Amino acid sequence: MLARLIIGVLAVVIFGCGGDSDQPSAGREQGGKAGDVIKLGFLGPLSGDNAGSGIDLLNAATLAVDEINAADGVLGRRIELVPVDDACDPQTATAAAQKLLGQGIAGVTGGYCSGAAIPESDVLQPQGIPYIVMATNPAVTERGLNTVFRNAGRDDRQGVFAARFLAGPAGARKLAILHNNSTYAKGLAEHTRTANDDLKLGMEIVFFDAIVSGQPDYSTALAKVKQFGADTLYFTGYASEAGIIVRQAKELGLAVRLVGGDATNEPIVIKTAGPAAEGYIVTTAPLPEFLPGATTFITAYTERFGTGPGPFSVYEYDAVKLLANAITQAVSTDPKDVGEALRKTRYSGITGETAFDGKGDRETIFHLTAIVREGKFQQHKKLGASGSWVDAL
């Protein structure tokens, strides 16, 4: 985490300087004079509890930009990244997005936290600026905005997957669900509970409650999980909280299966929980190390930043390449042209083929479970073609 933070801060200093330079703003020109750049914005948490995740995304975006520039850029011009910290906070996010306006950006990537990505997209929409996000709350793409694109899954779909897994391979009969009241976490928790009812999976939801983010101790909530007789706990908050919960559950002797949502698939969970993390399961999109085509990316990322890439890094890397590809297809840096190209694009990246539906959601993405074994996340279970559970290996 510390290494990512240091790298990320340096990246902000280095790339942030470009935001105030006297470069020409984006337009419809196909090329440009020597020294012209095409600016791409980045919005994500570079401070606060989720800074590790945000810096991981920024590192991946930086790697993608460097590779594009090494291959002669786009439309004969270099790409310049303009990162702004949104701290995963709605009010900070609004101000962060506003900082990008007027800087001549052709598009934006990032958007880790749903609670930040939604107000950010509201700021970018009137200017026609396309925004490719990682945020998973359905509301991100359910508001009729034609400038928002999601290169990740949706929480309503993950909720169905999670409920089916919990009732199936996890063997849950009495389920406790904890969230942290954020837009993402509360939404995933509610979608999981709803899926259990709608699909008549038979789990009894014995406890459904929220924790307060940023606390060093969640033993009170865990005591309630025990009090209500849960045999399984599904936690839908963030990684910094999950590590504490997993460790304290072990310390309290809480005999429950521990499962988390896709914001708890970070190495920091294992580092914080220590040996208690063995057997911890997450519902998630495939991690970089699970993707056959990600070997070169993982090597380049590790060599460049001195640490392995995080779970959403490869999706952010593909998002930047998607945006550059759309600029090429549009033969324009005008945001509206780029957005139109994104709506029509089919791009083959590390995470597979990407195309967006009418709402801006990625058409093909699936979930699986990963389990901590021998101190690292390993592939666990997925739904096979027949709808039955199979090993994900």
Protein backbone atom coordinates (compact mmCIF):
# COMPACT_ATOMS: atom_id res chain seq x y z
CA MET A 1 0.00 0.00 0.00
CA LEU A 2 2.78 2.43 0.96
CA ALA A 3 4.60 1.79 -2.28
CA ARG A 4 1.46 2.46 -4.29
CA LEU A 5 0.79 5.63 -2.30
CA ILE A 6 4.27 7.01 -2.92
CA ILE A 7 4.12 6.13 -6.61
CA GLY A 8 0.66 7.58 -6.93
CA VAL A 9 1.59 10.85 -5.25
CA LEU A 10 4.54 11.18 -7.61
CA ALA A 11 2.22 10.46 -10.53
CA VAL A 12 -0.15 13.18 -9.40
CA VAL A 13 2.70 15.67 -9.15
CA ILE A 14 4.19 14.71 -12.50
CA PHE A 15 1.02 14.41 -14.55
CA GLY A 16 -0.93 17.01 -12.62
CA CYS A 17 1.49 19.69 -13.79
CA GLY A 18 0.15 19.18 -17.30
CA GLY A 19 -3.29 20.32 -16.24
CA ASP A 20 -2.14 23.93 -16.00
CA SER A 21 0.06 23.99 -19.09
CA ASP A 22 -0.67 26.14 -22.09
CA GLN A 23 -1.60 23.30 -24.38
CA PRO A 24 -4.25 23.69 -27.09
CA SER A 25 -7.68 22.45 -26.08
CA ALA A 26 -9.22 19.41 -27.71
CA GLY A 27 -10.95 19.93 -31.01
CA ARG A 28 -11.84 18.29 -34.29
CA GLU A 29 -8.38 18.52 -35.84
CA GLN A 30 -6.92 15.23 -37.03
CA GLY A 31 -3.34 16.04 -36.15
CA GLY A 32 -1.49 18.86 -34.48
CA LYS A 33 1.66 20.88 -34.30
CA ALA A 34 4.73 19.48 -32.60
CA GLY A 35 4.17 19.63 -28.85
CA ASP A 36 0.38 19.30 -29.07
CA VAL A 37 -1.12 16.75 -26.71
CA ILE A 38 -4.44 15.00 -26.26
CA LYS A 39 -5.53 15.23 -22.64
CA LEU A 40 -7.36 12.43 -20.85
CA GLY A 41 -8.74 13.01 -17.37
CA PHE A 42 -8.56 10.57 -14.47
CA LEU A 43 -10.83 10.70 -11.42
CA GLY A 44 -10.31 8.42 -8.44
CA PRO A 45 -9.43 8.23 -4.74
CA LEU A 46 -5.81 9.30 -4.34
CA SER A 47 -6.29 10.04 -0.64
CA GLY A 48 -8.37 8.56 2.16
CA ASP A 49 -9.22 4.95 3.01
CA ASN A 50 -9.49 3.89 -0.65
CA ALA A 51 -6.31 5.59 -1.84
CA GLY A 52 -4.57 2.26 -2.45
CA SER A 53 -7.25 1.26 -4.94
CA GLY A 54 -7.27 4.65 -6.63
CA ILE A 55 -3.51 4.78 -6.97
CA ASP A 56 -3.56 1.28 -8.42
CA LEU A 57 -5.97 2.51 -11.11
CA LEU A 58 -3.84 5.59 -11.75
CA ASN A 59 -0.74 3.44 -12.13
CA ALA A 60 -2.55 1.25 -14.68
CA ALA A 61 -3.75 4.33 -16.57
CA THR A 62 -0.21 5.73 -16.55
CA LEU A 63 1.16 2.47 -17.95
CA ALA A 64 -1.43 2.48 -20.74
CA VAL A 65 -0.68 6.11 -21.65
CA ASP A 66 3.06 5.45 -21.75
CA GLU A 67 2.55 2.48 -24.06
CA ILE A 68 0.31 4.51 -26.36
CA ASN A 69 2.88 7.32 -26.53
CA ALA A 70 5.69 4.84 -27.19
CA ALA A 71 3.68 3.65 -30.20
CA ASP A 72 3.49 7.18 -31.72
CA GLY A 73 0.47 8.33 -29.71
CA VAL A 74 -2.97 8.96 -31.17
CA LEU A 75 -3.63 10.97 -34.34
CA GLY A 76 0.04 11.83 -34.36
CA ARG A 77 -0.12 13.42 -30.91
CA ARG A 78 0.98 12.42 -27.43
CA ILE A 79 -1.51 11.51 -24.71
CA GLU A 80 -1.26 13.44 -21.45
CA LEU A 81 -2.97 12.18 -18.29
CA VAL A 82 -4.62 14.74 -15.99
CA PRO A 83 -5.42 13.03 -12.65
CA VAL A 84 -7.60 14.58 -9.95
CA ASP A 85 -8.31 13.15 -6.50
CA ASP A 86 -11.99 12.57 -5.62
CA ALA A 87 -11.31 10.79 -2.27
CA CYS A 88 -14.37 8.60 -2.95
CA ASP A 89 -16.41 11.45 -1.50
CA PRO A 90 -19.47 12.89 -3.34
CA GLN A 91 -18.75 16.55 -2.58
CA THR A 92 -15.05 16.23 -3.30
CA ALA A 93 -15.96 14.35 -6.47
CA THR A 94 -18.08 17.20 -7.79
CA ALA A 95 -15.24 19.67 -7.29
CA ALA A 96 -12.76 17.20 -8.80
CA ALA A 97 -14.81 16.81 -11.98
CA GLN A 98 -15.21 20.56 -12.25
CA LYS A 99 -11.41 20.91 -12.19
CA LEU A 100 -11.27 18.95 -15.43
CA LEU A 101 -13.70 21.24 -17.25
CA GLY A 102 -12.05 23.78 -19.47
CA GLN A 103 -8.82 21.78 -19.73
CA GLY A 104 -9.61 20.46 -23.19
CA ILE A 105 -9.91 16.81 -22.17
CA ALA A 106 -11.21 14.33 -24.74
CA GLY A 107 -12.51 11.87 -22.13
CA VAL A 108 -12.14 10.60 -18.58
CA THR A 109 -11.48 7.23 -16.94
CA GLY A 110 -11.36 6.05 -13.32
CA GLY A 111 -14.52 6.28 -11.26
CA TYR A 112 -13.74 3.70 -8.57
CA CYS A 113 -16.47 4.56 -6.03
CA SER A 114 -20.09 4.73 -7.17
CA GLY A 115 -20.89 7.50 -4.70
CA ALA A 116 -18.24 9.66 -6.39
CA ALA A 117 -18.72 8.53 -9.99
CA ILE A 118 -22.40 9.51 -10.06
CA PRO A 119 -21.92 13.23 -9.22
CA GLU A 120 -18.81 13.32 -11.41
CA SER A 121 -20.79 12.09 -14.40
CA ASP A 122 -23.42 14.75 -13.69
CA VAL A 123 -20.71 17.41 -14.05
CA LEU A 124 -19.18 15.91 -17.20
CA GLN A 125 -22.46 15.14 -19.00
CA PRO A 126 -23.45 18.72 -20.01
CA GLN A 127 -20.08 19.11 -21.75
CA GLY A 128 -20.55 15.81 -23.59
CA ILE A 129 -17.38 14.38 -22.02
CA PRO A 130 -17.31 10.55 -22.07
CA TYR A 131 -16.51 8.89 -18.76
CA ILE A 132 -15.45 5.21 -18.54
CA VAL A 133 -15.89 4.07 -14.94
CA MET A 134 -15.17 1.05 -12.75
CA ALA A 135 -18.05 1.93 -10.39
CA THR A 136 -20.61 -0.87 -10.15
CA ASN A 137 -23.83 0.61 -8.73
CA PRO A 138 -26.63 0.27 -11.34
CA ALA A 139 -27.58 3.96 -10.95
CA VAL A 140 -24.33 4.93 -12.69
CA THR A 141 -25.79 3.87 -16.04
CA GLU A 142 -29.50 3.96 -15.28
CA ARG A 143 -29.97 7.74 -15.46
CA GLY A 144 -30.23 8.11 -19.21
CA LEU A 145 -26.80 9.71 -19.64
CA ASN A 146 -25.21 8.92 -22.99
CA THR A 147 -21.71 9.87 -21.82
CA VAL A 148 -21.20 7.20 -19.13
CA PHE A 149 -19.65 3.82 -19.87
CA ARG A 150 -18.89 1.02 -17.41
CA ASN A 151 -15.93 -1.32 -17.97
CA ALA A 152 -16.91 -3.51 -15.02
CA GLY A 153 -19.91 -5.46 -13.77
CA ARG A 154 -23.12 -4.21 -12.14
CA ASP A 155 -24.05 -4.76 -8.50
CA ASP A 156 -27.51 -6.07 -9.32
CA ARG A 157 -25.90 -8.83 -11.39
CA GLN A 158 -23.25 -9.47 -8.77
CA GLY A 159 -26.01 -9.61 -6.15
CA VAL A 160 -27.72 -12.44 -8.03
CA PHE A 161 -24.40 -14.26 -8.43
CA ALA A 162 -23.53 -13.74 -4.76
CA ALA A 163 -26.91 -14.94 -3.50
CA ARG A 164 -26.71 -18.07 -5.65
CA PHE A 165 -23.19 -18.80 -4.44
CA LEU A 166 -24.03 -18.18 -0.79
CA ALA A 167 -27.08 -20.45 -0.94
CA GLY A 168 -25.20 -23.01 -3.03
CA PRO A 169 -21.49 -23.83 -2.61
CA ALA A 170 -21.14 -21.66 0.52
CA GLY A 171 -23.96 -23.57 2.19
CA ALA A 172 -25.48 -20.54 3.92
CA ARG A 173 -28.75 -21.11 5.74
CA LYS A 174 -28.70 -18.21 8.19
CA LEU A 175 -27.06 -15.26 6.47
CA ALA A 176 -25.82 -11.99 7.96
CA ILE A 177 -25.13 -9.09 5.57
CA LEU A 178 -23.03 -6.11 6.58
CA HIS A 179 -22.36 -3.01 4.48
CA ASN A 180 -20.85 0.42 5.16
CA ASN A 181 -23.72 2.62 3.94
CA SER A 182 -21.81 3.78 0.86
CA THR A 183 -23.69 3.84 -2.44
CA TYR A 184 -21.79 0.79 -3.65
CA ALA A 185 -21.85 -1.31 -0.49
CA LYS A 186 -25.46 -0.69 0.50
CA GLY A 187 -26.58 -1.32 -3.08
CA LEU A 188 -24.77 -4.66 -3.35
CA ALA A 189 -26.10 -5.73 0.04
CA GLU A 190 -29.68 -4.90 -0.95
CA HIS A 191 -29.38 -6.59 -4.35
CA THR A 192 -28.10 -9.75 -2.67
CA ARG A 193 -30.97 -9.77 -0.19
CA THR A 194 -33.49 -9.14 -2.98
CA ALA A 195 -32.04 -11.93 -5.13
CA ASN A 196 -32.46 -14.38 -2.26
CA ASP A 197 -36.15 -13.50 -2.07
CA ASP A 198 -36.84 -13.28 -5.80
CA LEU A 199 -35.08 -16.56 -6.62
CA LYS A 200 -36.53 -18.27 -3.54
CA LEU A 201 -33.10 -19.50 -2.52
CA GLY A 202 -34.25 -20.22 1.02
CA MET A 203 -31.62 -18.38 3.06
CA GLU A 204 -32.86 -16.68 6.22
CA ILE A 205 -31.42 -13.18 6.47
CA VAL A 206 -30.96 -13.05 10.23
CA PHE A 207 -29.02 -9.78 10.37
CA PHE A 208 -28.74 -6.86 7.91
CA ASP A 209 -26.95 -3.74 9.11
CA ALA A 210 -24.30 -1.10 8.39
CA ILE A 211 -20.94 -0.39 9.99
CA VAL A 212 -19.29 3.01 10.21
CA SER A 213 -16.35 3.31 7.82
CA GLY A 214 -12.88 4.12 9.05
CA GLN A 215 -13.14 2.49 12.47
CA PRO A 216 -10.37 0.35 14.00
CA ASP A 217 -12.83 -2.03 15.68
CA TYR A 218 -15.93 -3.79 14.35
CA SER A 219 -16.33 -6.27 17.21
CA THR A 220 -19.73 -4.85 18.20
CA ALA A 221 -21.20 -5.64 14.77
CA LEU A 222 -19.55 -9.07 14.79
CA ALA A 223 -21.01 -9.79 18.22
CA LYS A 224 -24.46 -9.14 16.77
CA VAL A 225 -23.73 -11.51 13.87
CA LYS A 226 -22.98 -14.17 16.49
CA GLN A 227 -26.01 -13.22 18.61
CA PHE A 228 -28.41 -13.72 15.71
CA GLY A 229 -27.01 -17.15 14.95
CA ALA A 230 -25.64 -16.52 11.47
CA ASP A 231 -23.62 -19.30 9.88
CA THR A 232 -22.34 -17.06 7.04
CA LEU A 233 -21.40 -13.37 6.82
CA TYR A 234 -21.40 -11.49 3.51
CA PHE A 235 -19.60 -8.13 3.77
CA THR A 236 -20.07 -5.68 0.91
CA GLY A 237 -17.87 -2.78 2.05
CA TYR A 238 -14.28 -1.93 1.17
CA ALA A 239 -10.99 -3.74 1.61
CA SER A 240 -9.63 -1.62 4.47
CA GLU A 241 -12.66 -2.61 6.56
CA ALA A 242 -12.76 -6.23 5.41
CA GLY A 243 -9.25 -6.95 6.68
CA ILE A 244 -10.21 -5.81 10.17
CA ILE A 245 -13.48 -7.75 10.12
CA VAL A 246 -11.80 -10.97 9.00
CA ARG A 247 -9.09 -10.67 11.65
CA GLN A 248 -11.49 -9.78 14.47
CA ALA A 249 -13.92 -12.55 13.54
CA LYS A 250 -11.07 -15.00 14.10
CA GLU A 251 -10.03 -13.33 17.35
CA LEU A 252 -13.61 -13.50 18.65
CA GLY A 253 -13.91 -17.15 17.72
CA LEU A 254 -16.82 -16.39 15.41
CA ALA A 255 -17.69 -19.64 13.66
CA VAL A 256 -19.09 -18.22 10.41
CA ARG A 257 -18.11 -18.49 6.75
CA LEU A 258 -16.67 -15.16 5.66
CA VAL A 259 -17.48 -13.91 2.16
CA GLY A 260 -16.99 -10.43 0.72
CA GLY A 261 -17.99 -8.39 -2.31
CA ASP A 262 -15.75 -7.25 -5.14
CA ALA A 263 -14.27 -4.28 -3.28
CA THR A 264 -12.68 -6.68 -0.78
CA ASN A 265 -10.50 -8.52 -3.30
CA GLU A 266 -7.43 -6.41 -2.48
CA PRO A 267 -4.13 -7.76 -1.06
CA ILE A 268 -4.54 -5.34 1.87
CA VAL A 269 -7.27 -7.67 3.22
CA ILE A 270 -4.75 -10.51 3.47
CA LYS A 271 -2.06 -8.23 4.90
CA THR A 272 -4.40 -6.84 7.57
CA ALA A 273 -6.06 -10.11 8.51
CA GLY A 274 -2.88 -12.19 8.45
CA PRO A 275 -3.37 -15.96 8.88
CA ALA A 276 -7.08 -15.36 9.60
CA ALA A 277 -7.56 -14.55 5.89
CA GLU A 278 -7.06 -18.21 4.89
CA GLY A 279 -10.34 -19.43 3.43
CA TYR A 280 -11.81 -15.93 2.95
CA ILE A 281 -13.88 -15.82 -0.25
CA VAL A 282 -14.82 -12.90 -2.51
CA THR A 283 -17.33 -12.54 -5.33
CA THR A 284 -15.49 -10.73 -8.09
CA ALA A 285 -14.75 -10.25 -11.75
CA PRO A 286 -11.59 -12.14 -12.80
CA LEU A 287 -8.46 -10.74 -11.17
CA PRO A 288 -5.49 -9.88 -13.43
CA GLU A 289 -3.64 -13.07 -12.53
CA PHE A 290 -6.67 -15.11 -13.63
CA LEU A 291 -6.64 -13.66 -17.17
CA PRO A 292 -4.54 -15.58 -19.73
CA GLY A 293 -3.64 -12.43 -21.66
CA ALA A 294 -2.53 -10.38 -18.66
CA THR A 295 0.98 -11.81 -18.18
CA THR A 296 2.77 -9.01 -20.03
CA PHE A 297 0.68 -6.37 -18.26
CA ILE A 298 1.43 -7.85 -14.83
CA THR A 299 5.17 -7.98 -15.59
CA ALA A 300 5.26 -4.40 -16.93
CA TYR A 301 3.20 -3.07 -14.01
CA THR A 302 5.35 -4.82 -11.41
CA GLU A 303 8.61 -3.69 -12.98
CA ARG A 304 7.39 -0.10 -13.30
CA PHE A 305 5.79 0.35 -9.88
CA GLY A 306 7.55 -2.18 -7.68
CA THR A 307 4.38 -3.98 -6.66
CA GLY A 308 1.83 -6.23 -8.30
CA PRO A 309 -1.32 -4.79 -9.91
CA GLY A 310 -4.56 -4.66 -7.96
CA PRO A 311 -7.86 -6.28 -8.95
CA PHE A 312 -9.33 -3.48 -11.08
CA SER A 313 -6.03 -2.30 -12.60
CA VAL A 314 -6.38 -4.31 -15.80
CA TYR A 315 -9.93 -2.99 -16.36
CA GLU A 316 -8.64 0.59 -16.00
CA TYR A 317 -5.74 -0.19 -18.35
CA ASP A 318 -8.24 -1.43 -20.95
CA ALA A 319 -10.43 1.64 -20.35
CA VAL A 320 -7.61 4.00 -21.33
CA LYS A 321 -6.86 1.90 -24.42
CA LEU A 322 -10.60 1.94 -25.22
CA LEU A 323 -10.66 5.73 -25.02
CA ALA A 324 -7.58 6.05 -27.23
CA ASN A 325 -9.11 3.63 -29.73
CA ALA A 326 -12.32 5.67 -29.82
CA ILE A 327 -10.34 8.84 -30.55
CA THR A 328 -8.65 7.02 -33.42
CA GLN A 329 -11.96 5.72 -34.75
CA ALA A 330 -13.56 9.16 -34.48
CA VAL A 331 -10.52 10.84 -36.08
CA SER A 332 -11.32 13.58 -33.61
CA THR A 333 -10.61 14.72 -30.06
CA ASP A 334 -13.96 16.42 -29.66
CA PRO A 335 -15.57 14.70 -26.63
CA LYS A 336 -18.92 14.29 -28.36
CA ASP A 337 -17.29 12.53 -31.32
CA VAL A 338 -15.31 10.32 -28.96
CA GLY A 339 -18.46 9.41 -27.04
CA GLU A 340 -20.24 8.49 -30.25
CA ALA A 341 -17.32 6.26 -31.25
CA LEU A 342 -17.40 4.54 -27.85
CA ARG A 343 -21.07 3.70 -28.30
CA LYS A 344 -20.21 1.88 -31.54
CA THR A 345 -16.88 0.34 -30.58
CA ARG A 346 -15.88 -3.28 -30.22
CA TYR A 347 -12.46 -3.47 -28.68
CA SER A 348 -10.44 -6.59 -27.85
CA GLY A 349 -8.37 -5.97 -24.73
CA ILE A 350 -6.76 -7.96 -21.94
CA THR A 351 -10.12 -8.42 -20.22
CA GLY A 352 -11.74 -9.69 -23.42
CA GLU A 353 -13.95 -8.03 -26.00
CA THR A 354 -15.61 -4.84 -24.87
CA ALA A 355 -18.77 -3.40 -26.37
CA PHE A 356 -21.34 -1.25 -24.60
CA ASP A 357 -25.10 -1.66 -24.60
CA GLY A 358 -27.58 1.17 -24.93
CA LYS A 359 -27.16 2.17 -21.28
CA GLY A 360 -23.37 2.18 -21.41
CA ASP A 361 -22.88 -1.13 -19.60
CA ARG A 362 -20.30 -3.60 -20.81
CA GLU A 363 -22.09 -6.40 -22.66
CA THR A 364 -19.84 -9.27 -21.63
CA ILE A 365 -18.49 -9.60 -18.11
CA PHE A 366 -18.89 -12.38 -15.61
CA HIS A 367 -18.30 -13.06 -11.94
CA LEU A 368 -16.53 -15.86 -10.16
CA THR A 369 -15.35 -16.45 -6.61
CA ALA A 370 -11.78 -16.27 -5.39
CA ILE A 371 -10.53 -17.81 -2.17
CA VAL A 372 -7.47 -17.02 -0.07
CA ARG A 373 -5.15 -20.00 -0.06
CA GLU A 374 -1.50 -19.90 0.99
CA GLY A 375 -1.65 -16.15 1.42
CA LYS A 376 -3.06 -15.14 -1.96
CA PHE A 377 -6.33 -15.06 -3.86
CA GLN A 378 -6.87 -18.09 -6.06
CA GLN A 379 -9.69 -18.99 -8.42
CA HIS A 380 -12.49 -20.85 -6.67
CA LYS A 381 -15.97 -21.34 -8.22
CA LYS A 382 -17.93 -20.12 -11.23
CA LEU A 383 -21.20 -20.93 -12.95
CA GLY A 384 -20.70 -23.32 -15.86
CA ALA A 385 -22.50 -23.22 -19.19
CA SER A 386 -25.24 -25.48 -17.82
CA GLY A 387 -25.82 -23.20 -14.84
CA SER A 388 -24.20 -25.56 -12.35
CA TRP A 389 -21.25 -24.65 -10.14
CA VAL A 390 -17.81 -25.73 -11.33
CA ASP A 391 -14.23 -25.08 -10.27
CA ALA A 392 -13.02 -21.80 -11.77
CA LEU A 393 -9.54 -23.13 -12.55
